[in-house]
Amino acid sequence: MKIEKTGFGWIIIDRVKYTSDVIITVNGEIKNRYEDFSGSSHFLSRAEAEKLLAENPEIVIIGTGQSGCLSLPPETEDYLREKRVDFISSPTPEAIEVFNREKRKKSALFHLTC
């Protein structure tokens, strides 16, 4: 799987354009973040972090938006540390570079706007 590029409100993964925030599972499934969603689109809740860990990734990659506006509340960061999983949180354009380079089992969430 290769993430080709992103811009405000979109991301292209394997030549397919997505216009909603996406979650990528360890098995390579691409899901709309907002299916079965509650909360705010501008922070990653513990419940969402639990979904990202469902398939036991070695690393979780979080794209925080084009300008980096999605935040990780302390409880979410604490949860990820408690589960002893590596994670990186950075603006989506930088996070997709990490995603494409990373060879470990990974899951990801990419916020596509702000």
PDB file of N, CA and C in Angstrom:
ATOM      1  N   MET A   1       0.846  -1.177   0.000  1.00  0.00           N
ATOM      2  CA  MET A   1       0.000   0.000   0.000  1.00  0.00           C
ATOM      3  C   MET A   1       0.886   1.233   0.000  1.00  0.00           C
ATOM      4  N   LYS A   2       0.511   2.194  -0.838  1.00  0.00           N
ATOM      5  CA  LYS A   2       1.268   3.440  -0.904  1.00  0.00           C
ATOM      6  C   LYS A   2       0.301   4.618  -0.876  1.00  0.00           C
ATOM      7  N   ILE A   3       0.617   5.556  -0.002  1.00  0.00           N
ATOM      8  CA  ILE A   3      -0.131   6.806   0.022  1.00  0.00           C
ATOM      9  C   ILE A   3       0.621   7.754  -0.904  1.00  0.00           C
ATOM     10  N   GLU A   4      -0.058   8.204  -1.920  1.00  0.00           N
ATOM     11  CA  GLU A   4       0.600   8.984  -2.963  1.00  0.00           C
ATOM     12  C   GLU A   4       0.697  10.466  -2.632  1.00  0.00           C
ATOM     13  N   LYS A   5      -0.415  11.071  -2.200  1.00  0.00           N
ATOM     14  CA  LYS A   5      -0.383  12.488  -1.844  1.00  0.00           C
ATOM     15  C   LYS A   5      -1.636  12.856  -1.087  1.00  0.00           C
ATOM     16  N   THR A   6      -1.599  14.048  -0.530  1.00  0.00           N
ATOM     17  CA  THR A   6      -2.731  14.569   0.225  1.00  0.00           C
ATOM     18  C   THR A   6      -2.823  16.070   0.024  1.00  0.00           C
ATOM     19  N   GLY A   7      -3.998  16.590   0.239  1.00  0.00           N
ATOM     20  CA  GLY A   7      -4.250  18.021   0.227  1.00  0.00           C
ATOM     21  C   GLY A   7      -5.431  18.284   1.134  1.00  0.00           C
ATOM     22  N   PHE A   8      -5.841  19.507   1.250  1.00  0.00           N
ATOM     23  CA  PHE A   8      -6.931  19.839   2.168  1.00  0.00           C
ATOM     24  C   PHE A   8      -8.207  19.095   1.764  1.00  0.00           C
ATOM     25  N   GLY A   9      -8.613  18.146   2.603  1.00  0.00           N
ATOM     26  CA  GLY A   9      -9.853  17.401   2.387  1.00  0.00           C
ATOM     27  C   GLY A   9      -9.745  16.160   1.530  1.00  0.00           C
ATOM     28  N   TRP A  10      -8.537  15.735   1.174  1.00  0.00           N
ATOM     29  CA  TRP A  10      -8.403  14.529   0.360  1.00  0.00           C
ATOM     30  C   TRP A  10      -7.058  13.833   0.591  1.00  0.00           C
ATOM     31  N   ILE A  11      -7.050  12.557   0.226  1.00  0.00           N
ATOM     32  CA  ILE A  11      -5.835  11.740   0.271  1.00  0.00           C
ATOM     33  C   ILE A  11      -5.948  10.708  -0.845  1.00  0.00           C
ATOM     34  N   ILE A  12      -4.841  10.395  -1.495  1.00  0.00           N
ATOM     35  CA  ILE A  12      -4.839   9.384  -2.544  1.00  0.00           C
ATOM     36  C   ILE A  12      -4.006   8.197  -2.064  1.00  0.00           C
ATOM     37  N   ILE A  13      -4.668   7.040  -2.002  1.00  0.00           N
ATOM     38  CA  ILE A  13      -4.036   5.799  -1.560  1.00  0.00           C
ATOM     39  C   ILE A  13      -4.193   4.778  -2.679  1.00  0.00           C
ATOM     40  N   ASP A  14      -3.104   4.279  -3.176  1.00  0.00           N
ATOM     41  CA  ASP A  14      -3.128   3.316  -4.284  1.00  0.00           C
ATOM     42  C   ASP A  14      -4.049   3.779  -5.417  1.00  0.00           C
ATOM     43  N   ARG A  15      -3.865   5.029  -5.820  1.00  0.00           N
ATOM     44  CA  ARG A  15      -4.584   5.646  -6.944  1.00  0.00           C
ATOM     45  C   ARG A  15      -6.076   5.872  -6.709  1.00  0.00           C
ATOM     46  N   VAL A  16      -6.544   5.707  -5.456  1.00  0.00           N
ATOM     47  CA  VAL A  16      -7.948   5.967  -5.122  1.00  0.00           C
ATOM     48  C   VAL A  16      -7.999   7.202  -4.232  1.00  0.00           C
ATOM     49  N   LYS A  17      -8.878   8.143  -4.590  1.00  0.00           N
ATOM     50  CA  LYS A  17      -9.002   9.383  -3.819  1.00  0.00           C
ATOM     51  C   LYS A  17     -10.095   9.217  -2.755  1.00  0.00           C
ATOM     52  N   TYR A  18      -9.744   9.568  -1.514  1.00  0.00           N
ATOM     53  CA  TYR A  18     -10.680   9.543  -0.388  1.00  0.00           C
ATOM     54  C   TYR A  18     -10.871  10.979   0.077  1.00  0.00           C
ATOM     55  N   THR A  19     -12.118  11.315   0.416  1.00  0.00           N
ATOM     56  CA  THR A  19     -12.422  12.686   0.811  1.00  0.00           C
ATOM     57  C   THR A  19     -12.970  12.768   2.239  1.00  0.00           C
ATOM     58  N   SER A  20     -12.721  11.745   3.005  1.00  0.00           N
ATOM     59  CA  SER A  20     -13.099  11.732   4.414  1.00  0.00           C
ATOM     60  C   SER A  20     -11.921  11.167   5.190  1.00  0.00           C
ATOM     61  N   ASP A  21     -11.777  11.568   6.436  1.00  0.00           N
ATOM     62  CA  ASP A  21     -10.705  11.008   7.263  1.00  0.00           C
ATOM     63  C   ASP A  21     -10.714   9.495   7.152  1.00  0.00           C
ATOM     64  N   VAL A  22      -9.531   8.894   7.137  1.00  0.00           N
ATOM     65  CA  VAL A  22      -9.437   7.443   6.975  1.00  0.00           C
ATOM     66  C   VAL A  22      -8.663   6.802   8.119  1.00  0.00           C
ATOM     67  N   ILE A  23      -9.030   5.550   8.354  1.00  0.00           N
ATOM     68  CA  ILE A  23      -8.288   4.672   9.245  1.00  0.00           C
ATOM     69  C   ILE A  23      -7.764   3.543   8.379  1.00  0.00           C
ATOM     70  N   ILE A  24      -6.498   3.203   8.543  1.00  0.00           N
ATOM     71  CA  ILE A  24      -5.908   2.078   7.828  1.00  0.00           C
ATOM     72  C   ILE A  24      -5.532   1.031   8.866  1.00  0.00           C
ATOM     73  N   THR A  25      -6.057  -0.176   8.683  1.00  0.00           N
ATOM     74  CA  THR A  25      -5.797  -1.250   9.638  1.00  0.00           C
ATOM     75  C   THR A  25      -4.489  -1.964   9.299  1.00  0.00           C
ATOM     76  N   VAL A  26      -4.014  -2.755  10.227  1.00  0.00           N
ATOM     77  CA  VAL A  26      -2.804  -3.548  10.018  1.00  0.00           C
ATOM     78  C   VAL A  26      -2.946  -4.403   8.759  1.00  0.00           C
ATOM     79  N   ASN A  27      -4.146  -4.909   8.514  1.00  0.00           N
ATOM     80  CA  ASN A  27      -4.383  -5.765   7.348  1.00  0.00           C
ATOM     81  C   ASN A  27      -4.578  -4.986   6.054  1.00  0.00           C
ATOM     82  N   GLY A  28      -4.428  -3.662   6.104  1.00  0.00           N
ATOM     83  CA  GLY A  28      -4.512  -2.853   4.900  1.00  0.00           C
ATOM     84  C   GLY A  28      -5.912  -2.418   4.517  1.00  0.00           C
ATOM     85  N   GLU A  29      -6.882  -2.649   5.376  1.00  0.00           N
ATOM     86  CA  GLU A  29      -8.245  -2.194   5.098  1.00  0.00           C
ATOM     87  C   GLU A  29      -8.316  -0.687   5.326  1.00  0.00           C
ATOM     88  N   ILE A  30      -8.979   0.006   4.434  1.00  0.00           N
ATOM     89  CA  ILE A  30      -9.148   1.457   4.537  1.00  0.00           C
ATOM     90  C   ILE A  30     -10.598   1.725   4.917  1.00  0.00           C
ATOM     91  N   LYS A  31     -10.775   2.389   6.072  1.00  0.00           N
ATOM     92  CA  LYS A  31     -12.120   2.640   6.584  1.00  0.00           C
ATOM     93  C   LYS A  31     -12.362   4.138   6.712  1.00  0.00           C
ATOM     94  N   ASN A  32     -13.602   4.520   6.531  1.00  0.00           N
ATOM     95  CA  ASN A  32     -14.016   5.888   6.793  1.00  0.00           C
ATOM     96  C   ASN A  32     -13.985   6.088   8.304  1.00  0.00           C
ATOM     97  N   ARG A  33     -13.258   7.057   8.772  1.00  0.00           N
ATOM     98  CA  ARG A  33     -13.134   7.306  10.211  1.00  0.00           C
ATOM     99  C   ARG A  33     -14.492   7.527  10.864  1.00  0.00           C
ATOM    100  N   TYR A  34     -15.425   8.083  10.141  1.00  0.00           N
ATOM    101  CA  TYR A  34     -16.684   8.501  10.743  1.00  0.00           C
ATOM    102  C   TYR A  34     -17.761   7.430  10.784  1.00  0.00           C
ATOM    103  N   GLU A  35     -17.456   6.224  10.307  1.00  0.00           N
ATOM    104  CA  GLU A  35     -18.381   5.114  10.508  1.00  0.00           C
ATOM    105  C   GLU A  35     -18.261   4.709  11.973  1.00  0.00           C
ATOM    106  N   ASP A  36     -19.371   4.565  12.642  1.00  0.00           N
ATOM    107  CA  ASP A  36     -19.373   4.177  14.059  1.00  0.00           C
ATOM    108  C   ASP A  36     -18.511   5.132  14.884  1.00  0.00           C
ATOM    109  N   PHE A  37     -18.788   6.417  14.754  1.00  0.00           N
ATOM    110  CA  PHE A  37     -17.966   7.459  15.364  1.00  0.00           C
ATOM    111  C   PHE A  37     -18.797   8.317  16.303  1.00  0.00           C
ATOM    112  N   SER A  38     -18.190   8.673  17.408  1.00  0.00           N
ATOM    113  CA  SER A  38     -18.776   9.696  18.268  1.00  0.00           C
ATOM    114  C   SER A  38     -17.623  10.501  18.838  1.00  0.00           C
ATOM    115  N   GLY A  39     -17.849  11.761  19.067  1.00  0.00           N
ATOM    116  CA  GLY A  39     -16.782  12.604  19.590  1.00  0.00           C
ATOM    117  C   GLY A  39     -16.531  13.778  18.676  1.00  0.00           C
ATOM    118  N   SER A  40     -15.329  14.286  18.728  1.00  0.00           N
ATOM    119  CA  SER A  40     -14.941  15.435  17.930  1.00  0.00           C
ATOM    120  C   SER A  40     -13.945  14.992  16.862  1.00  0.00           C
ATOM    121  N   SER A  41     -14.091  15.572  15.684  1.00  0.00           N
ATOM    122  CA  SER A  41     -13.160  15.226  14.609  1.00  0.00           C
ATOM    123  C   SER A  41     -11.779  15.821  14.854  1.00  0.00           C
ATOM    124  N   HIS A  42     -11.655  16.714  15.831  1.00  0.00           N
ATOM    125  CA  HIS A  42     -10.388  17.398  16.056  1.00  0.00           C
ATOM    126  C   HIS A  42      -9.580  16.868  17.224  1.00  0.00           C
ATOM    127  N   PHE A  43      -9.967  15.710  17.758  1.00  0.00           N
ATOM    128  CA  PHE A  43      -9.086  15.025  18.691  1.00  0.00           C
ATOM    129  C   PHE A  43      -9.274  13.523  18.567  1.00  0.00           C
ATOM    130  N   LEU A  44      -8.241  12.809  18.913  1.00  0.00           N
ATOM    131  CA  LEU A  44      -8.253  11.352  18.853  1.00  0.00           C
ATOM    132  C   LEU A  44      -8.611  10.836  20.241  1.00  0.00           C
ATOM    133  N   SER A  45      -9.783  10.269  20.354  1.00  0.00           N
ATOM    134  CA  SER A  45     -10.242   9.770  21.647  1.00  0.00           C
ATOM    135  C   SER A  45      -9.592   8.429  21.991  1.00  0.00           C
ATOM    136  N   ARG A  46      -9.692   8.076  23.247  1.00  0.00           N
ATOM    137  CA  ARG A  46      -9.191   6.768  23.673  1.00  0.00           C
ATOM    138  C   ARG A  46      -9.931   5.653  22.930  1.00  0.00           C
ATOM    139  N   ALA A  47     -11.244   5.816  22.722  1.00  0.00           N
ATOM    140  CA  ALA A  47     -12.021   4.799  22.007  1.00  0.00           C
ATOM    141  C   ALA A  47     -11.490   4.595  20.587  1.00  0.00           C
ATOM    142  N   GLU A  48     -11.114   5.677  19.924  1.00  0.00           N
ATOM    143  CA  GLU A  48     -10.536   5.536  18.582  1.00  0.00           C
ATOM    144  C   GLU A  48      -9.168   4.875  18.650  1.00  0.00           C
ATOM    145  N   ALA A  49      -8.393   5.219  19.663  1.00  0.00           N
ATOM    146  CA  ALA A  49      -7.080   4.589  19.839  1.00  0.00           C
ATOM    147  C   ALA A  49      -7.242   3.086  20.041  1.00  0.00           C
ATOM    148  N   GLU A  50      -8.260   2.689  20.770  1.00  0.00           N
ATOM    149  CA  GLU A  50      -8.519   1.260  20.974  1.00  0.00           C
ATOM    150  C   GLU A  50      -8.771   0.568  19.643  1.00  0.00           C
ATOM    151  N   LYS A  51      -9.521   1.226  18.746  1.00  0.00           N
ATOM    152  CA  LYS A  51      -9.782   0.656  17.416  1.00  0.00           C
ATOM    153  C   LYS A  51      -8.473   0.516  16.627  1.00  0.00           C
ATOM    154  N   LEU A  52      -7.590   1.502  16.761  1.00  0.00           N
ATOM    155  CA  LEU A  52      -6.316   1.446  16.041  1.00  0.00           C
ATOM    156  C   LEU A  52      -5.431   0.310  16.536  1.00  0.00           C
ATOM    157  N   LEU A  53      -5.643  -0.119  17.780  1.00  0.00           N
ATOM    158  CA  LEU A  53      -4.836  -1.197  18.355  1.00  0.00           C
ATOM    159  C   LEU A  53      -5.469  -2.575  18.197  1.00  0.00           C
ATOM    160  N   ALA A  54      -6.647  -2.648  17.600  1.00  0.00           N
ATOM    161  CA  ALA A  54      -7.394  -3.902  17.521  1.00  0.00           C
ATOM    162  C   ALA A  54      -6.621  -5.052  16.874  1.00  0.00           C
ATOM    163  N   GLU A  55      -5.768  -4.759  15.918  1.00  0.00           N
ATOM    164  CA  GLU A  55      -5.025  -5.817  15.214  1.00  0.00           C
ATOM    165  C   GLU A  55      -3.558  -5.865  15.648  1.00  0.00           C
ATOM    166  N   ASN A  56      -3.274  -5.335  16.822  1.00  0.00           N
ATOM    167  CA  ASN A  56      -1.935  -5.396  17.426  1.00  0.00           C
ATOM    168  C   ASN A  56      -0.810  -4.831  16.550  1.00  0.00           C
ATOM    169  N   PRO A  57      -0.923  -3.578  16.174  1.00  0.00           N
ATOM    170  CA  PRO A  57       0.180  -2.978  15.402  1.00  0.00           C
ATOM    171  C   PRO A  57       1.406  -2.786  16.281  1.00  0.00           C
ATOM    172  N   GLU A  58       2.539  -2.671  15.630  1.00  0.00           N
ATOM    173  CA  GLU A  58       3.772  -2.330  16.344  1.00  0.00           C
ATOM    174  C   GLU A  58       3.934  -0.819  16.445  1.00  0.00           C
ATOM    175  N   ILE A  59       3.295  -0.107  15.519  1.00  0.00           N
ATOM    176  CA  ILE A  59       3.338   1.350  15.521  1.00  0.00           C
ATOM    177  C   ILE A  59       2.000   1.887  15.015  1.00  0.00           C
ATOM    178  N   VAL A  60       1.584   3.008  15.585  1.00  0.00           N
ATOM    179  CA  VAL A  60       0.383   3.716  15.146  1.00  0.00           C
ATOM    180  C   VAL A  60       0.833   5.069  14.610  1.00  0.00           C
ATOM    181  N   ILE A  61       0.367   5.394  13.409  1.00  0.00           N
ATOM    182  CA  ILE A  61       0.728   6.653  12.763  1.00  0.00           C
ATOM    183  C   ILE A  61      -0.528   7.522  12.701  1.00  0.00           C
ATOM    184  N   ILE A  62      -0.411   8.724  13.229  1.00  0.00           N
ATOM    185  CA  ILE A  62      -1.555   9.620  13.309  1.00  0.00           C
ATOM    186  C   ILE A  62      -1.245  10.884  12.522  1.00  0.00           C
ATOM    187  N   GLY A  63      -2.003  11.089  11.446  1.00  0.00           N
ATOM    188  CA  GLY A  63      -1.892  12.312  10.670  1.00  0.00           C
ATOM    189  C   GLY A  63      -2.848  13.332  11.256  1.00  0.00           C
ATOM    190  N   THR A  64      -2.322  14.428  11.739  1.00  0.00           N
ATOM    191  CA  THR A  64      -3.112  15.390  12.501  1.00  0.00           C
ATOM    192  C   THR A  64      -3.759  16.484  11.657  1.00  0.00           C
ATOM    193  N   GLY A  65      -3.802  16.300  10.355  1.00  0.00           N
ATOM    194  CA  GLY A  65      -4.416  17.291   9.472  1.00  0.00           C
ATOM    195  C   GLY A  65      -3.367  18.083   8.719  1.00  0.00           C
ATOM    196  N   GLN A  66      -3.801  18.823   7.738  1.00  0.00           N
ATOM    197  CA  GLN A  66      -2.870  19.576   6.897  1.00  0.00           C
ATOM    198  C   GLN A  66      -2.080  20.607   7.696  1.00  0.00           C
ATOM    199  N   SER A  67      -2.712  21.176   8.725  1.00  0.00           N
ATOM    200  CA  SER A  67      -2.030  22.155   9.582  1.00  0.00           C
ATOM    201  C   SER A  67      -1.752  21.615  10.980  1.00  0.00           C
ATOM    202  N   GLY A  68      -2.088  20.360  11.210  1.00  0.00           N
ATOM    203  CA  GLY A  68      -1.799  19.746  12.503  1.00  0.00           C
ATOM    204  C   GLY A  68      -2.794  20.055  13.607  1.00  0.00           C
ATOM    205  N   CYS A  69      -4.064  20.255  13.269  1.00  0.00           N
ATOM    206  CA  CYS A  69      -5.057  20.672  14.270  1.00  0.00           C
ATOM    207  C   CYS A  69      -5.659  19.530  15.095  1.00  0.00           C
ATOM    208  N   LEU A  70      -5.585  18.296  14.630  1.00  0.00           N
ATOM    209  CA  LEU A  70      -6.101  17.189  15.431  1.00  0.00           C
ATOM    210  C   LEU A  70      -5.152  16.973  16.606  1.00  0.00           C
ATOM    211  N   SER A  71      -5.707  16.848  17.793  1.00  0.00           N
ATOM    212  CA  SER A  71      -4.853  16.673  18.966  1.00  0.00           C
ATOM    213  C   SER A  71      -5.075  15.319  19.617  1.00  0.00           C
ATOM    214  N   LEU A  72      -4.088  14.922  20.389  1.00  0.00           N
ATOM    215  CA  LEU A  72      -4.178  13.716  21.195  1.00  0.00           C
ATOM    216  C   LEU A  72      -4.278  14.154  22.654  1.00  0.00           C
ATOM    217  N   PRO A  73      -5.456  13.968  23.267  1.00  0.00           N
ATOM    218  CA  PRO A  73      -5.580  14.326  24.673  1.00  0.00           C
ATOM    219  C   PRO A  73      -4.620  13.483  25.516  1.00  0.00           C
ATOM    220  N   PRO A  74      -4.232  13.974  26.674  1.00  0.00           N
ATOM    221  CA  PRO A  74      -3.318  13.215  27.546  1.00  0.00           C
ATOM    222  C   PRO A  74      -3.796  11.799  27.828  1.00  0.00           C
ATOM    223  N   GLU A  75      -5.096  11.607  28.012  1.00  0.00           N
ATOM    224  CA  GLU A  75      -5.592  10.253  28.300  1.00  0.00           C
ATOM    225  C   GLU A  75      -5.345   9.298  27.131  1.00  0.00           C
ATOM    226  N   THR A  76      -5.399   9.814  25.900  1.00  0.00           N
ATOM    227  CA  THR A  76      -5.133   8.979  24.726  1.00  0.00           C
ATOM    228  C   THR A  76      -3.649   8.637  24.640  1.00  0.00           C
ATOM    229  N   GLU A  77      -2.801   9.623  24.840  1.00  0.00           N
ATOM    230  CA  GLU A  77      -1.357   9.356  24.837  1.00  0.00           C
ATOM    231  C   GLU A  77      -0.990   8.378  25.946  1.00  0.00           C
ATOM    232  N   ASP A  78      -1.560   8.575  27.127  1.00  0.00           N
ATOM    233  CA  ASP A  78      -1.287   7.664  28.247  1.00  0.00           C
ATOM    234  C   ASP A  78      -1.719   6.243  27.908  1.00  0.00           C
ATOM    235  N   TYR A  79      -2.868   6.098  27.262  1.00  0.00           N
ATOM    236  CA  TYR A  79      -3.367   4.781  26.874  1.00  0.00           C
ATOM    237  C   TYR A  79      -2.401   4.101  25.901  1.00  0.00           C
ATOM    238  N   LEU A  80      -1.943   4.829  24.893  1.00  0.00           N
ATOM    239  CA  LEU A  80      -1.009   4.247  23.923  1.00  0.00           C
ATOM    240  C   LEU A  80       0.303   3.836  24.597  1.00  0.00           C
ATOM    241  N   ARG A  81       0.788   4.658  25.505  1.00  0.00           N
ATOM    242  CA  ARG A  81       2.017   4.312  26.235  1.00  0.00           C
ATOM    243  C   ARG A  81       1.795   3.090  27.124  1.00  0.00           C
ATOM    244  N   GLU A  82       0.633   3.050  27.792  1.00  0.00           N
ATOM    245  CA  GLU A  82       0.288   1.921  28.660  1.00  0.00           C
ATOM    246  C   GLU A  82       0.282   0.614  27.871  1.00  0.00           C
ATOM    247  N   LYS A  83      -0.179   0.680  26.631  1.00  0.00           N
ATOM    248  CA  LYS A  83      -0.232  -0.508  25.762  1.00  0.00           C
ATOM    249  C   LYS A  83       1.122  -0.811  25.115  1.00  0.00           C
ATOM    250  N   ARG A  84       2.091   0.042  25.388  1.00  0.00           N
ATOM    251  CA  ARG A  84       3.467  -0.143  24.901  1.00  0.00           C
ATOM    252  C   ARG A  84       3.559  -0.255  23.383  1.00  0.00           C
ATOM    253  N   VAL A  85       2.820   0.623  22.735  1.00  0.00           N
ATOM    254  CA  VAL A  85       2.887   0.673  21.278  1.00  0.00           C
ATOM    255  C   VAL A  85       3.565   1.985  20.896  1.00  0.00           C
ATOM    256  N   ASP A  86       4.450   1.918  19.921  1.00  0.00           N
ATOM    257  CA  ASP A  86       5.064   3.136  19.406  1.00  0.00           C
ATOM    258  C   ASP A  86       3.997   3.919  18.644  1.00  0.00           C
ATOM    259  N   PHE A  87       4.067   5.227  18.731  1.00  0.00           N
ATOM    260  CA  PHE A  87       3.151   6.041  17.947  1.00  0.00           C
ATOM    261  C   PHE A  87       3.835   7.332  17.554  1.00  0.00           C
ATOM    262  N   ILE A  88       3.401   7.836  16.421  1.00  0.00           N
ATOM    263  CA  ILE A  88       3.882   9.119  15.938  1.00  0.00           C
ATOM    264  C   ILE A  88       2.670   9.944  15.553  1.00  0.00           C
ATOM    265  N   SER A  89       2.702  11.198  15.911  1.00  0.00           N
ATOM    266  CA  SER A  89       1.626  12.129  15.617  1.00  0.00           C
ATOM    267  C   SER A  89       2.255  13.351  14.962  1.00  0.00           C
ATOM    268  N   SER A  90       1.874  13.609  13.714  1.00  0.00           N
ATOM    269  CA  SER A  90       2.427  14.761  13.007  1.00  0.00           C
ATOM    270  C   SER A  90       1.448  15.187  11.917  1.00  0.00           C
ATOM    271  N   PRO A  91       1.626  16.390  11.369  1.00  0.00           N
ATOM    272  CA  PRO A  91       0.727  16.819  10.291  1.00  0.00           C
ATOM    273  C   PRO A  91       0.652  15.754   9.194  1.00  0.00           C
ATOM    274  N   THR A  92      -0.510  15.632   8.612  1.00  0.00           N
ATOM    275  CA  THR A  92      -0.769  14.553   7.656  1.00  0.00           C
ATOM    276  C   THR A  92       0.266  14.452   6.533  1.00  0.00           C
ATOM    277  N   PRO A  93       0.710  15.552   5.912  1.00  0.00           N
ATOM    278  CA  PRO A  93       1.719  15.380   4.855  1.00  0.00           C
ATOM    279  C   PRO A  93       3.001  14.699   5.365  1.00  0.00           C
ATOM    280  N   GLU A  94       3.426  15.009   6.574  1.00  0.00           N
ATOM    281  CA  GLU A  94       4.610  14.360   7.151  1.00  0.00           C
ATOM    282  C   GLU A  94       4.299  12.926   7.564  1.00  0.00           C
ATOM    283  N   ALA A  95       3.101  12.711   8.112  1.00  0.00           N
ATOM    284  CA  ALA A  95       2.719  11.376   8.582  1.00  0.00           C
ATOM    285  C   ALA A  95       2.633  10.376   7.432  1.00  0.00           C
ATOM    286  N   ILE A  96       2.216  10.829   6.244  1.00  0.00           N
ATOM    287  CA  ILE A  96       2.147   9.875   5.134  1.00  0.00           C
ATOM    288  C   ILE A  96       3.549   9.454   4.689  1.00  0.00           C
ATOM    289  N   GLU A  97       4.526  10.332   4.825  1.00  0.00           N
ATOM    290  CA  GLU A  97       5.905   9.946   4.514  1.00  0.00           C
ATOM    291  C   GLU A  97       6.376   8.856   5.477  1.00  0.00           C
ATOM    292  N   VAL A  98       6.054   9.028   6.751  1.00  0.00           N
ATOM    293  CA  VAL A  98       6.406   8.010   7.751  1.00  0.00           C
ATOM    294  C   VAL A  98       5.693   6.701   7.419  1.00  0.00           C
ATOM    295  N   PHE A  99       4.407   6.777   7.112  1.00  0.00           N
ATOM    296  CA  PHE A  99       3.629   5.584   6.782  1.00  0.00           C
ATOM    297  C   PHE A  99       4.272   4.823   5.628  1.00  0.00           C
ATOM    298  N   ASN A 100       4.651   5.536   4.588  1.00  0.00           N
ATOM    299  CA  ASN A 100       5.220   4.875   3.408  1.00  0.00           C
ATOM    300  C   ASN A 100       6.585   4.254   3.678  1.00  0.00           C
ATOM    301  N   ARG A 101       7.347   4.824   4.607  1.00  0.00           N
ATOM    302  CA  ARG A 101       8.677   4.287   4.938  1.00  0.00           C
ATOM    303  C   ARG A 101       8.627   3.135   5.942  1.00  0.00           C
ATOM    304  N   GLU A 102       7.641   3.167   6.821  1.00  0.00           N
ATOM    305  CA  GLU A 102       7.596   2.254   7.959  1.00  0.00           C
ATOM    306  C   GLU A 102       7.360   0.815   7.515  1.00  0.00           C
ATOM    307  N   LYS A 103       8.189  -0.097   8.004  1.00  0.00           N
ATOM    308  CA  LYS A 103       8.095  -1.510   7.626  1.00  0.00           C
ATOM    309  C   LYS A 103       7.418  -2.368   8.685  1.00  0.00           C
ATOM    310  N   ARG A 104       7.300  -1.849   9.905  1.00  0.00           N
ATOM    311  CA  ARG A 104       6.648  -2.628  10.966  1.00  0.00           C
ATOM    312  C   ARG A 104       5.141  -2.736  10.711  1.00  0.00           C
ATOM    313  N   LYS A 105       4.498  -3.652  11.447  1.00  0.00           N
ATOM    314  CA  LYS A 105       3.047  -3.744  11.406  1.00  0.00           C
ATOM    315  C   LYS A 105       2.484  -2.404  11.889  1.00  0.00           C
ATOM    316  N   LYS A 106       1.617  -1.807  11.081  1.00  0.00           N
ATOM    317  CA  LYS A 106       1.176  -0.458  11.407  1.00  0.00           C
ATOM    318  C   LYS A 106      -0.325  -0.302  11.195  1.00  0.00           C
ATOM    319  N   SER A 107      -0.886   0.596  11.976  1.00  0.00           N
ATOM    320  CA  SER A 107      -2.227   1.094  11.716  1.00  0.00           C
ATOM    321  C   SER A 107      -2.094   2.616  11.691  1.00  0.00           C
ATOM    322  N   ALA A 108      -3.096   3.264  11.108  1.00  0.00           N
ATOM    323  CA  ALA A 108      -2.985   4.717  10.952  1.00  0.00           C
ATOM    324  C   ALA A 108      -4.345   5.373  10.929  1.00  0.00           C
ATOM    325  N   LEU A 109      -4.338   6.631  11.304  1.00  0.00           N
ATOM    326  CA  LEU A 109      -5.508   7.489  11.153  1.00  0.00           C
ATOM    327  C   LEU A 109      -5.005   8.781  10.514  1.00  0.00           C
ATOM    328  N   PHE A 110      -5.684   9.200   9.452  1.00  0.00           N
ATOM    329  CA  PHE A 110      -5.296  10.439   8.787  1.00  0.00           C
ATOM    330  C   PHE A 110      -6.468  11.410   8.774  1.00  0.00           C
ATOM    331  N   HIS A 111      -6.285  12.539   9.460  1.00  0.00           N
ATOM    332  CA  HIS A 111      -7.245  13.646   9.422  1.00  0.00           C
ATOM    333  C   HIS A 111      -6.889  14.458   8.182  1.00  0.00           C
ATOM    334  N   LEU A 112      -7.878  14.799   7.381  1.00  0.00           N
ATOM    335  CA  LEU A 112      -7.582  15.371   6.061  1.00  0.00           C
ATOM    336  C   LEU A 112      -7.760  16.874   5.939  1.00  0.00           C
ATOM    337  N   THR A 113      -8.422  17.494   6.903  1.00  0.00           N
ATOM    338  CA  THR A 113      -8.596  18.934   6.808  1.00  0.00           C
ATOM    339  C   THR A 113      -7.666  19.600   7.821  1.00  0.00           C
ATOM    340  N   CYS A 114      -7.973  20.799   8.186  1.00  0.00           N
ATOM    341  CA  CYS A 114      -7.179  21.650   9.092  1.00  0.00           C
ATOM    342  C   CYS A 114      -6.069  20.895   9.746  1.00  0.00           C
TER     343      CYS A 114
END
